Amino acid sequence: MSLPAWLKDAVFYEIYPQSFYDSNADGIGDLEGIIQKLGYVKSLGCNALWINPCFESPFMDAGYDVSDYKKIAPRYGANEDAKRLFEEAHKRGMKVLFDLVPGHTSDRHPWFRQSRKPERNEYSDRYIWTPNVFLYPEHYRWVSGVQDRDGNYMVNFFSSQPALNYGFEQRDEFWQLSPEDPACVSTLEAMKDVMRFWMDMGCDGFRVDMAASLVKNDPERTGIKRLWRNVREMFDRDYPENVLLSEWGDPEQSIDAGFHLDFYLHFESRGYNALFRDGNELSAGLSCYFSKEGRGDVTVFTKEYERRRAAARGRGYICLPTGNHDMVRLARRRTMAERKVAEAFILLMPTIPFIYYGDEIGLPYREGLVSKEGGFYRTGSRTPMQWTKGKNRGFSAADGELYLPVDPDPASPDAETQAGEEGSLLGFVKRLIALRHREEELQAGDNFEVLYAEKGKYPFIFRRGKFVVAVNPSGENAEAPLEGNYKEVLSVNAAARAEGGIVSVPAVSLTLFCAE
């Protein structure tokens, strides 16, 4: 299975559409707003977009509860706007991935309205039901007694998100269908039809929500791998330049299943948390490596990453995000100097980088917001992009309520101000992405060698072709052995010195060297 060539130099930008830019002053971001800001995204150096769900939905879970897969939600525009978005992005040499939610729908989806009926019909087995309302099998979540049908329906998250039926790989009960059952095959074919609908319109592929969990009771992932290999065959045959990106978090499994890309994520990865999240989320934990506290352990990451990199080599790519809509923002509890070092590291790794909208300016995590559309603690990471210091921070011309409030602190960052500031995070990110595009050895690939990574110690040093990266996120200066002669290409906050077989890396800094 081949990989689209454009992925090697891809730098993605994730857009939460309701919070990005409001073009019609209704307080909610929309597709026209994204179109109007494509020039900004292009100016960053990002050449691909991932757009969170924008399909019709009652928005009990911010669009991850779809009521019509083939219709853009009216608050974002219409299908014609999606088509124009694809066209305008392509004119700029940019790709667009939509967010696909194949694991469940809204309970308002027409499929579910049919499935809940007592009389048997073609959608009766589109979702997972028990044979009677008094049966509550363990290990799954069920909603009971709210439909006329005699049975409980499985949900994946909220009670409004009934689980679609792709079958059970191991079947313990008579009512659990095989993935090869016609009803389960029909579910998969319906989802493939949704994919074709948008790709025929111009979409360049999908980020797939809950990619690993569609087939139930599948401990070895054999059923889910068969399912996604089926989809990948369709891509390779009919859409060879389009890509499948999984929310799986385990490239050893997902790339084998047929995905082109998989995320290094916080919920399936000790390594990602050891880098960026321990002690930085809402719950307490150990200090992460990218903190000036200097109590992290980079070897938790390197050991896991090397194993996963080997599994993906030549068959797919691992993606390293600055954050996403489900994480507390990277900016939380970090100084600007710390943010620069962390984002520079992400952009210099051999993984494909994903920038969550606003992370390029250090958009803050908003503490204590009331949950919006099922966001709960995640709501603080979903606030509007701040474009200017003007009305509503440039997000919207609305006089009324916004989707979520902008930061009331006038000192909080915005794109316009940072564009004119020397040394800003925005300017720094642009510079790094431009360097990545210019130097093939800094793009996604297999050229990665750890030169120094010791348990509980700083710095971390790795090689990429002729380049060497020395990073010290801690608040104390650090040294490590480094043989050879090197010249500085780029430094963050302060420059390291490499001489006499030793590299001295200042506190909270990163230096990119080139071999002389």
Protein backbone atom coordinates (compact mmCIF):
# COMPACT_ATOMS: atom_id res chain seq x y z
CA MET A 1 0.00 0.00 0.00
CA SER A 2 1.58 3.25 -1.15
CA LEU A 3 1.57 6.59 0.69
CA PRO A 4 0.59 9.88 -0.96
CA ALA A 5 3.80 11.83 -1.59
CA TRP A 6 2.36 15.07 -0.19
CA LEU A 7 2.34 13.68 3.34
CA LYS A 8 6.12 13.88 3.72
CA ASP A 9 6.04 17.68 3.77
CA ALA A 10 2.64 18.08 5.40
CA VAL A 11 2.09 20.47 8.32
CA PHE A 12 -1.51 20.32 9.53
CA TYR A 13 -3.66 22.95 11.19
CA GLU A 14 -6.65 21.78 13.23
CA ILE A 15 -9.71 24.04 13.12
CA TYR A 16 -12.59 23.87 15.57
CA PRO A 17 -15.06 25.52 13.19
CA GLN A 18 -17.44 27.09 15.69
CA SER A 19 -14.54 28.96 17.32
CA PHE A 20 -12.32 29.94 14.40
CA TYR A 21 -13.89 32.89 12.58
CA ASP A 22 -17.48 34.13 12.36
CA SER A 23 -18.19 35.62 8.92
CA ASN A 24 -21.87 36.50 9.41
CA ALA A 25 -21.96 38.05 12.91
CA ASP A 26 -24.11 35.35 14.51
CA GLY A 27 -21.48 34.62 17.17
CA ILE A 28 -20.50 31.21 15.77
CA GLY A 29 -17.64 30.39 13.43
CA ASP A 30 -18.51 28.99 10.00
CA LEU A 31 -17.08 27.57 6.79
CA GLU A 32 -17.07 30.96 5.07
CA GLY A 33 -14.96 32.17 7.98
CA ILE A 34 -12.47 29.39 7.37
CA ILE A 35 -12.35 30.29 3.67
CA GLN A 36 -11.64 33.92 4.55
CA LYS A 37 -8.76 32.87 6.81
CA LEU A 38 -7.11 30.39 4.44
CA GLY A 39 -4.52 33.03 3.60
CA TYR A 40 -3.57 33.25 7.27
CA VAL A 41 -3.21 29.48 7.58
CA LYS A 42 -1.16 29.39 4.39
CA SER A 43 1.06 32.19 5.74
CA LEU A 44 1.92 30.00 8.73
CA GLY A 45 3.27 27.43 6.32
CA CYS A 46 0.51 24.93 7.07
CA ASN A 47 -0.49 23.09 3.91
CA ALA A 48 -3.25 20.84 5.25
CA LEU A 49 -6.33 21.30 7.43
CA TRP A 50 -8.21 19.03 9.79
CA ILE A 51 -11.67 20.44 10.44
CA ASN A 52 -13.65 19.14 13.42
CA PRO A 53 -17.19 17.86 12.69
CA CYS A 54 -19.31 20.27 10.70
CA PHE A 55 -22.21 17.98 9.77
CA GLU A 56 -25.82 18.49 10.84
CA SER A 57 -26.18 17.78 14.54
CA PRO A 58 -28.17 18.72 17.65
CA PHE A 59 -24.75 19.53 19.16
CA MET A 60 -25.10 17.58 22.38
CA ASP A 61 -21.41 16.76 21.87
CA ALA A 62 -20.18 19.65 19.75
CA GLY A 63 -20.98 17.89 16.48
CA TYR A 64 -19.65 14.47 17.45
CA ASP A 65 -23.31 13.45 17.44
CA VAL A 66 -24.22 13.52 13.76
CA SER A 67 -27.83 13.60 12.60
CA ASP A 68 -27.04 13.79 8.85
CA TYR A 69 -23.61 12.80 7.53
CA LYS A 70 -24.26 14.31 4.11
CA LYS A 71 -25.37 17.76 5.18
CA ILE A 72 -23.35 20.66 6.55
CA ALA A 73 -24.89 22.01 9.74
CA PRO A 74 -26.79 25.21 8.89
CA ARG A 75 -24.90 27.21 11.50
CA TYR A 76 -21.72 26.56 9.47
CA GLY A 77 -23.27 27.12 6.03
CA ALA A 78 -24.29 24.65 3.36
CA ASN A 79 -22.79 21.88 1.26
CA GLU A 80 -21.93 24.46 -1.37
CA ASP A 81 -19.70 26.19 1.17
CA ALA A 82 -17.86 22.93 1.83
CA LYS A 83 -17.29 22.46 -1.89
CA ARG A 84 -15.97 26.00 -2.18
CA LEU A 85 -13.72 25.44 0.84
CA PHE A 86 -12.16 22.43 -0.86
CA GLU A 87 -11.71 24.41 -4.07
CA GLU A 88 -10.19 27.47 -2.40
CA ALA A 89 -7.84 25.33 -0.33
CA HIS A 90 -6.70 23.42 -3.40
CA LYS A 91 -6.00 26.67 -5.23
CA ARG A 92 -3.54 27.46 -2.43
CA GLY A 93 -1.92 24.03 -2.55
CA MET A 94 -3.64 22.94 0.66
CA LYS A 95 -5.43 19.71 1.58
CA VAL A 96 -8.59 19.44 3.71
CA LEU A 97 -9.54 16.53 5.97
CA PHE A 98 -13.01 16.32 7.47
CA ASP A 99 -13.69 14.69 10.83
CA LEU A 100 -15.61 11.43 10.44
CA VAL A 101 -17.56 10.01 13.41
CA PRO A 102 -18.33 6.41 12.42
CA GLY A 103 -18.78 4.92 15.90
CA HIS A 104 -22.13 6.45 16.74
CA THR A 105 -24.71 8.94 15.56
CA SER A 106 -27.08 11.28 17.27
CA ASP A 107 -30.28 9.69 18.57
CA ARG A 108 -31.99 12.07 16.14
CA HIS A 109 -30.41 10.48 13.08
CA PRO A 110 -33.02 8.98 10.71
CA TRP A 111 -31.28 5.60 10.98
CA PHE A 112 -31.86 5.54 14.72
CA ARG A 113 -35.43 6.77 14.40
CA GLN A 114 -36.10 3.68 12.33
CA SER A 115 -34.00 1.36 14.47
CA ARG A 116 -35.91 2.21 17.66
CA LYS A 117 -39.25 1.13 16.19
CA PRO A 118 -40.75 -2.10 17.58
CA GLU A 119 -41.40 -3.46 14.09
CA ARG A 120 -38.45 -5.08 12.29
CA ASN A 121 -37.06 -3.01 9.43
CA GLU A 122 -33.82 -2.58 7.50
CA TYR A 123 -32.34 -0.41 10.27
CA SER A 124 -33.27 -2.62 13.24
CA ASP A 125 -29.68 -3.90 13.47
CA ARG A 126 -27.95 -0.69 12.39
CA TYR A 127 -27.38 -0.09 16.12
CA ILE A 128 -26.61 -2.47 18.99
CA TRP A 129 -29.66 -3.52 21.00
CA THR A 130 -30.25 -6.10 23.69
CA PRO A 131 -33.19 -8.49 23.06
CA ASN A 132 -35.20 -7.10 25.98
CA VAL A 133 -35.29 -4.04 28.16
CA PHE A 134 -34.32 -5.89 31.34
CA LEU A 135 -30.97 -7.10 30.02
CA TYR A 136 -27.94 -4.98 30.92
CA PRO A 137 -24.72 -6.74 29.82
CA GLU A 138 -21.60 -5.72 31.70
CA HIS A 139 -18.69 -3.80 30.20
CA TYR A 140 -20.88 -1.62 27.99
CA ARG A 141 -23.05 1.43 28.49
CA TRP A 142 -26.79 1.12 27.87
CA VAL A 143 -29.81 3.40 27.69
CA SER A 144 -33.00 1.76 28.91
CA GLY A 145 -36.72 2.36 28.88
CA VAL A 146 -36.90 5.49 26.74
CA GLN A 147 -37.90 3.90 23.41
CA ASP A 148 -40.87 1.80 22.33
CA ARG A 149 -38.62 -1.03 21.20
CA ASP A 150 -38.20 -3.80 23.75
CA GLY A 151 -34.46 -3.54 24.31
CA ASN A 152 -31.64 -1.36 25.56
CA TYR A 153 -29.34 0.37 23.12
CA MET A 154 -25.61 0.70 23.55
CA VAL A 155 -24.05 4.16 23.68
CA ASN A 156 -20.39 5.05 23.25
CA PHE A 157 -20.33 8.20 25.36
CA PHE A 158 -23.40 10.31 26.10
CA SER A 159 -26.92 8.92 26.20
CA SER A 160 -27.68 10.75 22.95
CA GLN A 161 -24.96 8.82 21.03
CA PRO A 162 -26.20 5.30 20.16
CA ALA A 163 -23.43 2.98 18.98
CA LEU A 164 -23.51 1.85 15.37
CA ASN A 165 -23.34 -1.89 14.83
CA TYR A 166 -20.18 -3.19 13.16
CA GLY A 167 -20.47 -6.51 14.99
CA PHE A 168 -18.71 -8.39 17.79
CA GLU A 169 -15.48 -10.22 16.97
CA GLN A 170 -15.99 -12.54 19.93
CA ARG A 171 -19.67 -13.30 20.47
CA ASP A 172 -20.86 -14.29 23.93
CA GLU A 173 -24.60 -13.84 23.33
CA PHE A 174 -26.94 -14.86 20.52
CA TRP A 175 -27.93 -11.25 19.82
CA GLN A 176 -24.32 -10.18 19.17
CA LEU A 177 -23.78 -10.21 15.41
CA SER A 178 -20.63 -11.15 13.54
CA PRO A 179 -18.81 -8.35 11.66
CA GLU A 180 -19.61 -10.37 8.53
CA ASP A 181 -23.34 -10.36 9.23
CA PRO A 182 -25.22 -8.54 6.42
CA ALA A 183 -26.50 -5.91 8.87
CA CYS A 184 -22.96 -5.05 10.02
CA VAL A 185 -21.62 -5.07 6.48
CA SER A 186 -24.44 -2.69 5.59
CA THR A 187 -23.30 -0.30 8.35
CA LEU A 188 -19.79 -0.24 6.97
CA GLU A 189 -21.00 0.25 3.41
CA ALA A 190 -23.17 3.15 4.54
CA MET A 191 -20.13 4.80 6.13
CA LYS A 192 -18.03 4.21 3.00
CA ASP A 193 -20.81 5.87 1.03
CA VAL A 194 -20.51 8.92 3.30
CA MET A 195 -16.76 9.05 2.65
CA ARG A 196 -17.24 8.82 -1.10
CA PHE A 197 -19.86 11.57 -0.99
CA TRP A 198 -17.43 14.11 0.48
CA MET A 199 -14.34 12.94 -1.38
CA ASP A 200 -16.18 13.19 -4.69
CA MET A 201 -16.90 16.79 -3.68
CA GLY A 202 -13.22 17.48 -3.08
CA CYS A 203 -12.42 16.38 0.47
CA ASP A 204 -8.90 14.95 0.76
CA GLY A 205 -9.65 12.33 3.42
CA PHE A 206 -10.74 11.96 7.01
CA ARG A 207 -9.60 12.02 10.58
CA VAL A 208 -11.52 9.09 12.04
CA ASP A 209 -12.96 9.44 15.52
CA MET A 210 -12.79 6.38 17.81
CA ALA A 211 -11.12 4.42 15.01
CA ALA A 212 -10.10 1.45 17.17
CA SER A 213 -13.44 0.73 18.81
CA LEU A 214 -16.02 0.13 16.08
CA VAL A 215 -15.98 -3.66 16.31
CA LYS A 216 -16.88 -4.71 19.84
CA ASN A 217 -15.33 -7.42 22.01
CA ASP A 218 -12.26 -7.42 19.80
CA PRO A 219 -9.27 -7.70 22.16
CA GLU A 220 -6.74 -8.54 19.45
CA ARG A 221 -8.17 -5.93 17.06
CA THR A 222 -8.54 -8.53 14.33
CA GLY A 223 -12.08 -7.48 13.42
CA ILE A 224 -11.35 -3.77 13.36
CA LYS A 225 -8.25 -4.34 11.23
CA ARG A 226 -10.30 -6.23 8.65
CA LEU A 227 -12.79 -3.38 8.62
CA TRP A 228 -10.25 -0.61 8.00
CA ARG A 229 -8.26 -2.64 5.48
CA ASN A 230 -11.52 -2.87 3.55
CA VAL A 231 -11.78 0.92 3.61
CA ARG A 232 -8.12 1.35 2.70
CA GLU A 233 -8.65 -0.82 -0.39
CA MET A 234 -11.30 1.67 -1.50
CA PHE A 235 -8.90 4.56 -0.94
CA ASP A 236 -6.01 2.91 -2.79
CA ARG A 237 -8.25 1.98 -5.69
CA ASP A 238 -10.42 5.07 -6.08
CA TYR A 239 -8.80 7.88 -4.07
CA PRO A 240 -5.03 7.17 -4.04
CA GLU A 241 -4.04 10.72 -3.02
CA ASN A 242 -6.49 10.84 -0.11
CA VAL A 243 -5.64 9.81 3.43
CA LEU A 244 -7.04 8.12 6.50
CA LEU A 245 -5.92 9.57 9.84
CA SER A 246 -6.89 7.61 12.94
CA GLU A 247 -7.74 8.64 16.45
CA TRP A 248 -6.20 5.42 17.68
CA GLY A 249 -3.03 6.45 19.48
CA ASP A 250 -1.19 3.20 18.78
CA PRO A 251 0.62 3.13 15.42
CA GLU A 252 1.67 -0.47 16.02
CA GLN A 253 -2.00 -1.36 15.54
CA SER A 254 -3.43 1.43 13.40
CA ILE A 255 -0.87 1.45 10.58
CA ASP A 256 -1.25 -2.31 10.32
CA ALA A 257 -5.01 -1.74 10.04
CA GLY A 258 -4.53 0.37 6.93
CA PHE A 259 -4.37 3.95 8.19
CA HIS A 260 -1.90 6.30 6.57
CA LEU A 261 -1.51 8.32 9.77
CA ASP A 262 -2.01 7.93 13.49
CA PHE A 263 -1.69 10.37 16.35
CA TYR A 264 0.67 10.26 19.26
CA LEU A 265 -2.05 10.96 21.84
CA HIS A 266 -2.48 11.59 25.54
CA PHE A 267 -4.95 8.77 26.23
CA GLU A 268 -3.04 5.86 24.67
CA SER A 269 0.50 7.03 25.21
CA ARG A 270 2.68 7.22 28.29
CA GLY A 271 5.23 8.86 26.03
CA TYR A 272 3.13 11.84 24.99
CA ASN A 273 2.11 12.53 28.57
CA ALA A 274 5.70 12.19 29.75
CA LEU A 275 6.65 14.90 27.26
CA PHE A 276 3.85 17.41 27.64
CA ARG A 277 1.00 16.50 29.95
CA ASP A 278 2.00 15.04 33.32
CA GLY A 279 1.36 17.70 35.94
CA ASN A 280 -0.17 19.94 33.29
CA GLU A 281 -3.71 18.58 33.06
CA LEU A 282 -6.52 19.16 35.55
CA SER A 283 -5.50 16.10 37.56
CA ALA A 284 -2.28 15.94 39.53
CA GLY A 285 0.68 13.96 38.22
CA LEU A 286 4.42 13.89 37.82
CA SER A 287 6.16 16.75 36.11
CA CYS A 288 6.44 16.36 32.35
CA TYR A 289 9.71 16.72 30.48
CA PHE A 290 8.74 19.97 28.78
CA SER A 291 8.52 21.96 31.99
CA LYS A 292 11.08 24.23 33.61
CA GLU A 293 10.54 22.24 36.82
CA GLY A 294 13.03 19.78 35.35
CA ARG A 295 11.56 16.62 36.87
CA GLY A 296 10.62 14.81 33.67
CA ASP A 297 11.93 11.58 32.18
CA VAL A 298 12.41 11.68 28.41
CA THR A 299 13.21 7.95 28.24
CA VAL A 300 9.53 7.15 28.85
CA PHE A 301 8.94 8.79 25.48
CA THR A 302 12.02 7.56 23.61
CA LYS A 303 11.49 3.88 24.45
CA GLU A 304 7.85 3.96 23.42
CA TYR A 305 8.42 6.13 20.37
CA GLU A 306 11.22 3.99 18.95
CA ARG A 307 8.98 0.92 19.11
CA ARG A 308 6.09 2.70 17.44
CA ARG A 309 8.31 4.34 14.84
CA ALA A 310 9.66 0.93 13.86
CA ALA A 311 6.12 -0.39 13.43
CA ALA A 312 5.14 2.50 11.15
CA ARG A 313 8.36 2.69 9.14
CA GLY A 314 7.69 2.72 5.40
CA ARG A 315 3.97 2.07 5.86
CA GLY A 316 2.63 5.20 7.51
CA TYR A 317 3.36 8.25 9.61
CA ILE A 318 3.02 9.20 13.24
CA CYS A 319 1.52 12.63 13.97
CA LEU A 320 2.62 14.78 16.90
CA PRO A 321 0.09 17.50 17.86
CA THR A 322 0.61 20.65 19.89
CA GLY A 323 -2.81 19.81 21.31
CA ASN A 324 -6.38 19.31 20.19
CA HIS A 325 -9.99 19.93 21.13
CA ASP A 326 -9.89 17.17 23.77
CA MET A 327 -6.75 18.35 25.60
CA VAL A 328 -5.99 21.16 27.99
CA ARG A 329 -4.06 23.68 25.90
CA LEU A 330 -0.28 23.51 25.77
CA ALA A 331 -0.11 27.11 26.97
CA ARG A 332 -1.57 26.25 30.39
CA ARG A 333 0.90 26.99 33.19
CA ARG A 334 3.73 27.58 30.72
CA THR A 335 5.71 30.71 30.07
CA MET A 336 6.18 31.96 26.53
CA ALA A 337 9.75 30.64 26.62
CA GLU A 338 8.50 27.16 27.54
CA ARG A 339 5.88 27.25 24.78
CA LYS A 340 8.48 28.13 22.16
CA VAL A 341 10.73 25.24 23.15
CA ALA A 342 7.85 22.73 23.13
CA GLU A 343 6.49 23.82 19.75
CA ALA A 344 9.98 23.93 18.22
CA PHE A 345 10.55 20.33 19.32
CA ILE A 346 7.26 19.23 17.74
CA LEU A 347 8.13 20.93 14.45
CA LEU A 348 11.63 19.43 14.31
CA MET A 349 10.66 15.83 15.00
CA PRO A 350 10.32 13.30 12.12
CA THR A 351 6.61 13.05 12.87
CA ILE A 352 3.94 15.03 10.99
CA PRO A 353 3.10 18.10 13.10
CA PHE A 354 -0.43 19.23 13.90
CA ILE A 355 -0.98 22.75 15.20
CA TYR A 356 -4.22 23.24 17.11
CA TYR A 357 -5.71 26.60 16.15
CA GLY A 358 -4.39 29.33 18.43
CA ASP A 359 -1.39 27.35 19.71
CA GLU A 360 0.74 29.31 17.27
CA ILE A 361 0.02 32.46 19.31
CA GLY A 362 -0.17 30.79 22.72
CA LEU A 363 -3.94 31.04 23.05
CA PRO A 364 -4.62 30.37 26.74
CA TYR A 365 -6.70 27.66 28.33
CA ARG A 366 -9.71 29.35 29.94
CA GLU A 367 -10.26 28.12 33.48
CA GLY A 368 -13.69 27.61 35.01
CA LEU A 369 -15.94 27.98 31.97
CA VAL A 370 -19.40 26.43 32.11
CA SER A 371 -19.54 23.37 29.86
CA LYS A 372 -20.63 24.06 26.31
CA GLU A 373 -22.06 21.35 24.05
CA GLY A 374 -20.66 18.51 26.13
CA GLY A 375 -17.19 20.01 26.45
CA PHE A 376 -16.94 20.01 30.26
CA TYR A 377 -13.24 20.57 31.18
CA ARG A 378 -12.39 20.62 27.45
CA THR A 379 -14.48 23.78 27.01
CA GLY A 380 -11.53 25.91 28.10
CA SER A 381 -9.57 24.69 25.07
CA ARG A 382 -12.33 25.56 22.61
CA THR A 383 -12.65 29.32 23.01
CA PRO A 384 -12.59 31.66 19.99
CA MET A 385 -9.44 32.35 18.04
CA GLN A 386 -8.20 35.84 18.89
CA TRP A 387 -7.37 37.73 15.73
CA THR A 388 -7.08 41.33 16.93
CA LYS A 389 -7.44 43.48 20.03
CA GLY A 390 -10.70 44.88 18.67
CA LYS A 391 -14.32 43.92 19.22
CA ASN A 392 -14.67 40.29 20.31
CA ARG A 393 -10.92 40.02 19.65
CA GLY A 394 -11.66 40.00 15.93
CA PHE A 395 -13.49 36.68 16.07
CA SER A 396 -16.95 38.07 15.36
CA ALA A 397 -18.79 41.31 14.66
CA ALA A 398 -21.75 40.04 16.70
CA ASP A 399 -23.33 42.37 19.24
CA GLY A 400 -24.80 39.47 21.20
CA GLU A 401 -23.50 36.31 22.81
CA LEU A 402 -20.61 34.44 21.23
CA TYR A 403 -20.27 30.67 21.00
CA LEU A 404 -17.83 30.97 23.90
CA PRO A 405 -16.39 34.12 25.44
CA VAL A 406 -13.07 35.52 24.33
CA ASP A 407 -10.41 36.20 26.93
CA PRO A 408 -11.23 39.46 28.78
CA ASP A 409 -7.55 40.07 29.55
CA PRO A 410 -6.34 42.72 27.07
CA ALA A 411 -2.82 41.31 27.42
CA SER A 412 -3.87 37.89 26.12
CA PRO A 413 -2.42 37.09 22.69
CA ASP A 414 -3.85 37.82 19.27
CA ALA A 415 -2.59 37.12 15.76
CA GLU A 416 -2.47 40.73 14.52
CA THR A 417 -0.33 41.95 17.40
CA GLN A 418 2.07 39.04 17.22
CA ALA A 419 2.45 39.46 13.46
CA GLY A 420 4.02 42.85 14.16
CA GLU A 421 6.14 41.83 17.14
CA GLU A 422 9.75 40.79 16.79
CA GLY A 423 10.39 37.55 18.62
CA SER A 424 6.71 36.60 18.89
CA LEU A 425 5.60 32.99 19.10
CA LEU A 426 3.70 33.42 15.83
CA GLY A 427 6.74 34.67 13.96
CA PHE A 428 8.85 31.92 15.45
CA VAL A 429 6.42 29.19 14.38
CA LYS A 430 6.36 30.59 10.84
CA ARG A 431 10.15 30.58 10.72
CA LEU A 432 10.37 26.99 11.90
CA ILE A 433 7.75 25.71 9.47
CA ALA A 434 9.52 27.49 6.60
CA LEU A 435 12.76 25.80 7.61
CA ARG A 436 11.03 22.43 7.71
CA HIS A 437 9.64 22.95 4.21
CA ARG A 438 13.05 24.08 2.93
CA GLU A 439 15.09 21.21 4.38
CA GLU A 440 13.92 17.76 3.30
CA GLU A 441 15.85 16.13 6.16
CA LEU A 442 13.60 17.98 8.63
CA GLN A 443 10.39 16.68 7.08
CA ALA A 444 8.54 13.52 8.07
CA GLY A 445 10.64 10.41 7.64
CA ASP A 446 12.79 7.73 9.21
CA ASN A 447 15.96 9.76 9.77
CA PHE A 448 15.98 9.91 13.55
CA GLU A 449 18.74 8.89 15.94
CA VAL A 450 18.80 9.50 19.68
CA LEU A 451 22.23 10.81 20.69
CA TYR A 452 21.54 11.52 24.36
CA ALA A 453 18.53 10.58 26.44
CA GLU A 454 19.11 9.59 30.04
CA LYS A 455 16.51 8.75 32.65
CA GLY A 456 15.62 11.84 34.67
CA LYS A 457 18.29 13.96 32.98
CA TYR A 458 18.53 16.90 30.59
CA PRO A 459 19.16 17.73 27.74
CA PHE A 460 17.65 15.52 25.01
CA ILE A 461 19.72 15.33 21.84
CA PHE A 462 18.78 13.71 18.55
CA ARG A 463 20.04 13.67 14.99
CA ARG A 464 18.11 14.13 11.74
CA GLY A 465 20.49 13.66 8.83
CA LYS A 466 23.04 16.45 8.96
CA PHE A 467 21.02 18.24 11.66
CA VAL A 468 21.26 17.81 15.43
CA VAL A 469 18.67 19.10 17.90
CA ALA A 470 19.66 19.81 21.50
CA VAL A 471 16.71 20.65 23.73
CA ASN A 472 16.68 21.53 27.42
CA PRO A 473 13.21 22.47 28.69
CA SER A 474 14.34 22.53 32.33
CA GLY A 475 15.09 25.63 34.34
CA GLU A 476 18.77 24.69 34.83
CA ASN A 477 21.64 24.67 32.37
CA ALA A 478 22.60 21.18 31.20
CA GLU A 479 25.44 19.41 29.42
CA ALA A 480 25.86 16.22 27.41
CA PRO A 481 28.48 14.58 25.22
CA LEU A 482 28.33 15.45 21.52
CA GLU A 483 31.17 14.49 19.20
CA GLY A 484 31.78 16.34 15.97
CA ASN A 485 31.84 19.88 14.65
CA TYR A 486 28.60 21.81 14.38
CA LYS A 487 27.36 25.27 13.51
CA GLU A 488 24.19 26.82 14.86
CA VAL A 489 21.26 27.02 12.45
CA LEU A 490 18.56 28.21 14.83
CA SER A 491 18.19 28.74 18.55
CA VAL A 492 15.20 29.18 20.84
CA ASN A 493 15.55 31.58 23.77
CA ALA A 494 19.34 31.01 24.02
CA ALA A 495 22.00 29.26 21.96
CA ALA A 496 23.77 26.08 22.98
CA ARG A 497 27.54 25.71 22.52
CA ALA A 498 29.09 22.58 21.07
CA GLU A 499 32.84 22.32 21.56
CA GLY A 500 35.38 19.84 22.85
CA GLY A 501 32.97 16.92 22.59
CA ILE A 502 30.49 18.57 24.96
CA VAL A 503 27.32 20.51 24.22
CA SER A 504 26.21 23.05 26.83
CA VAL A 505 22.50 23.81 26.57
CA PRO A 506 21.08 26.79 28.49
CA ALA A 507 17.92 26.50 30.55
CA VAL A 508 14.61 26.49 28.65
CA SER A 509 16.21 26.48 25.24
CA LEU A 510 16.58 24.53 22.01
CA THR A 511 19.31 24.75 19.43
CA LEU A 512 19.33 23.28 15.94
CA PHE A 513 22.85 22.51 14.72
CA CYS A 514 24.15 21.49 11.33
CA ALA A 515 27.23 19.32 10.93
CA GLU A 516 30.15 21.21 9.44
